[in-house]
Amino acid sequence: MTASAARVLVVDDNQLNLDLARYVLEAGGFVVDEALTVEEAWARLRAARPAIVLVDIQLPGTDGLSLVRALKVTPGLDDVPVIAFTAYAMQGDEQRFRAAGCDGYLAKPIDVHSFAASVRSYLRT
């Protein structure tokens, strides 16, 4: 799979955020799956292995960091880069996300001009 055709799973409970991320990522050459909840995310993960996962930290029910921790111990998914995708921007948050297993951090609101390239920079070759 080339980076330009990489599958990305975006997990966010805000449909507008999902729509914008999908639009920008598809324009950037990605195949996009989306989930509004952790349960939907697991269904998408069972259906197709993504090249990268973007996870909102504040999700209803199970939070995003719980999903990150679970992904990092799931055989077959433990090597998928997982990026915190959140509006949190407080000092220390990025360290907290990385301690939970996140491979990086992308802030919301997204910059539509650089978002796809930022996501691509986290792909493993």
Protein backbone atom coordinates (compact mmCIF):
# COMPACT_ATOMS: atom_id res chain seq x y z
CA MET A 1 0.00 0.00 0.00
CA THR A 2 1.43 3.35 -0.94
CA ALA A 3 1.18 6.30 1.38
CA SER A 4 -1.11 8.05 -1.11
CA ALA A 5 -3.62 5.18 -0.85
CA ALA A 6 -3.29 4.64 2.89
CA ARG A 7 -6.41 3.81 4.92
CA VAL A 8 -7.02 6.05 7.91
CA LEU A 9 -9.59 5.50 10.66
CA VAL A 10 -10.88 8.71 12.24
CA VAL A 11 -12.62 8.28 15.60
CA ASP A 12 -14.51 11.39 16.71
CA ASP A 13 -17.93 11.89 18.29
CA ASN A 14 -18.56 15.12 16.35
CA GLN A 15 -19.95 14.44 12.87
CA LEU A 16 -18.79 17.85 11.59
CA ASN A 17 -15.21 17.02 12.61
CA LEU A 18 -15.51 13.65 10.86
CA ASP A 19 -16.91 15.23 7.71
CA LEU A 20 -14.13 17.82 7.53
CA ALA A 21 -11.40 15.27 8.24
CA ARG A 22 -12.84 12.91 5.61
CA TYR A 23 -13.04 15.68 3.01
CA VAL A 24 -9.48 16.89 3.56
CA LEU A 25 -7.96 13.40 3.85
CA GLU A 26 -9.77 12.05 0.77
CA ALA A 27 -8.61 15.11 -1.18
CA GLY A 28 -5.11 14.19 0.03
CA GLY A 29 -5.40 10.68 -1.42
CA PHE A 30 -6.36 8.71 1.70
CA VAL A 31 -9.09 6.09 2.04
CA VAL A 32 -11.10 7.15 5.10
CA ASP A 33 -13.12 5.09 7.57
CA GLU A 34 -14.87 6.86 10.41
CA ALA A 35 -16.39 6.02 13.77
CA LEU A 36 -18.40 8.10 16.23
CA THR A 37 -17.77 5.78 19.21
CA VAL A 38 -15.16 3.33 20.46
CA GLU A 39 -17.58 0.48 19.68
CA GLU A 40 -17.89 1.65 16.07
CA ALA A 41 -14.10 1.98 15.92
CA TRP A 42 -13.66 -1.69 16.88
CA ALA A 43 -16.18 -2.69 14.18
CA ARG A 44 -14.20 -0.71 11.57
CA LEU A 45 -10.92 -2.16 12.83
CA ARG A 46 -12.30 -5.70 12.47
CA ALA A 47 -13.47 -4.91 8.92
CA ALA A 48 -10.22 -3.37 7.62
CA ARG A 49 -6.79 -2.74 9.12
CA PRO A 50 -5.93 0.95 8.78
CA ALA A 51 -2.46 2.32 8.14
CA ILE A 52 -3.10 4.93 10.85
CA VAL A 53 -5.76 5.81 13.45
CA LEU A 54 -6.74 9.32 14.55
CA VAL A 55 -8.49 9.27 17.92
CA ASP A 56 -10.37 12.06 19.65
CA ILE A 57 -9.60 11.93 23.37
CA GLN A 58 -13.06 12.94 24.62
CA LEU A 59 -15.50 10.29 23.41
CA PRO A 60 -18.83 9.21 24.90
CA GLY A 61 -18.64 6.10 27.07
CA THR A 62 -15.12 4.76 26.70
CA ASP A 63 -12.63 7.60 26.21
CA GLY A 64 -10.08 7.83 23.44
CA LEU A 65 -7.07 7.01 25.61
CA SER A 66 -8.71 3.72 26.65
CA LEU A 67 -9.02 2.88 22.95
CA VAL A 68 -5.37 3.80 22.39
CA ARG A 69 -4.22 1.57 25.26
CA ALA A 70 -6.33 -1.34 23.95
CA LEU A 71 -5.02 -0.93 20.39
CA LYS A 72 -1.42 -1.01 21.58
CA VAL A 73 -1.91 -4.47 23.14
CA THR A 74 -4.03 -5.99 20.35
CA PRO A 75 -2.03 -8.39 18.14
CA GLY A 76 -2.19 -7.27 14.52
CA LEU A 77 -3.03 -3.69 15.49
CA ASP A 78 -0.30 -2.96 18.04
CA ASP A 79 2.02 -1.56 15.36
CA VAL A 80 -0.53 0.81 13.78
CA PRO A 81 0.36 4.44 14.48
CA VAL A 82 -2.28 6.04 16.71
CA ILE A 83 -2.49 9.81 16.78
CA ALA A 84 -4.37 11.85 19.39
CA PHE A 85 -6.74 14.09 17.42
CA THR A 86 -8.15 16.56 19.89
CA ALA A 87 -8.87 20.12 20.85
CA TYR A 88 -6.99 19.62 24.13
CA ALA A 89 -4.03 21.95 24.11
CA MET A 90 -3.16 22.24 27.76
CA GLN A 91 0.43 21.99 28.91
CA GLY A 92 1.29 18.36 29.65
CA ASP A 93 -1.48 16.88 27.50
CA GLU A 94 0.84 15.70 24.72
CA GLN A 95 2.99 13.89 27.31
CA ARG A 96 -0.15 12.29 28.76
CA PHE A 97 -1.25 11.14 25.29
CA ARG A 98 2.18 9.67 24.55
CA ALA A 99 2.24 7.92 27.93
CA ALA A 100 -1.05 6.23 26.96
CA GLY A 101 0.55 4.97 23.74
CA CYS A 102 -0.16 7.70 21.20
CA ASP A 103 2.48 8.02 18.50
CA GLY A 104 1.72 11.70 17.99
CA TYR A 105 -0.72 14.55 18.42
CA LEU A 106 -2.73 16.65 15.98
CA ALA A 107 -4.67 19.64 17.28
CA LYS A 108 -8.18 20.68 16.34
CA PRO A 109 -9.35 22.69 14.63
CA ILE A 110 -7.41 21.26 11.73
CA ASP A 111 -5.45 23.33 9.24
CA VAL A 112 -7.02 22.18 5.97
CA HIS A 113 -3.87 23.11 4.04
CA SER A 114 -1.47 20.92 6.05
CA PHE A 115 -3.68 18.26 7.69
CA ALA A 116 -3.24 15.48 5.10
CA ALA A 117 0.53 16.03 5.01
CA SER A 118 0.66 15.99 8.82
CA VAL A 119 -1.22 12.68 8.91
CA ARG A 120 1.01 11.25 6.16
CA SER A 121 4.12 12.20 8.18
CA TYR A 122 3.09 9.67 10.85
CA LEU A 123 2.77 6.73 8.44
CA ARG A 124 5.24 3.91 8.87
CA THR A 125 6.96 2.78 5.70
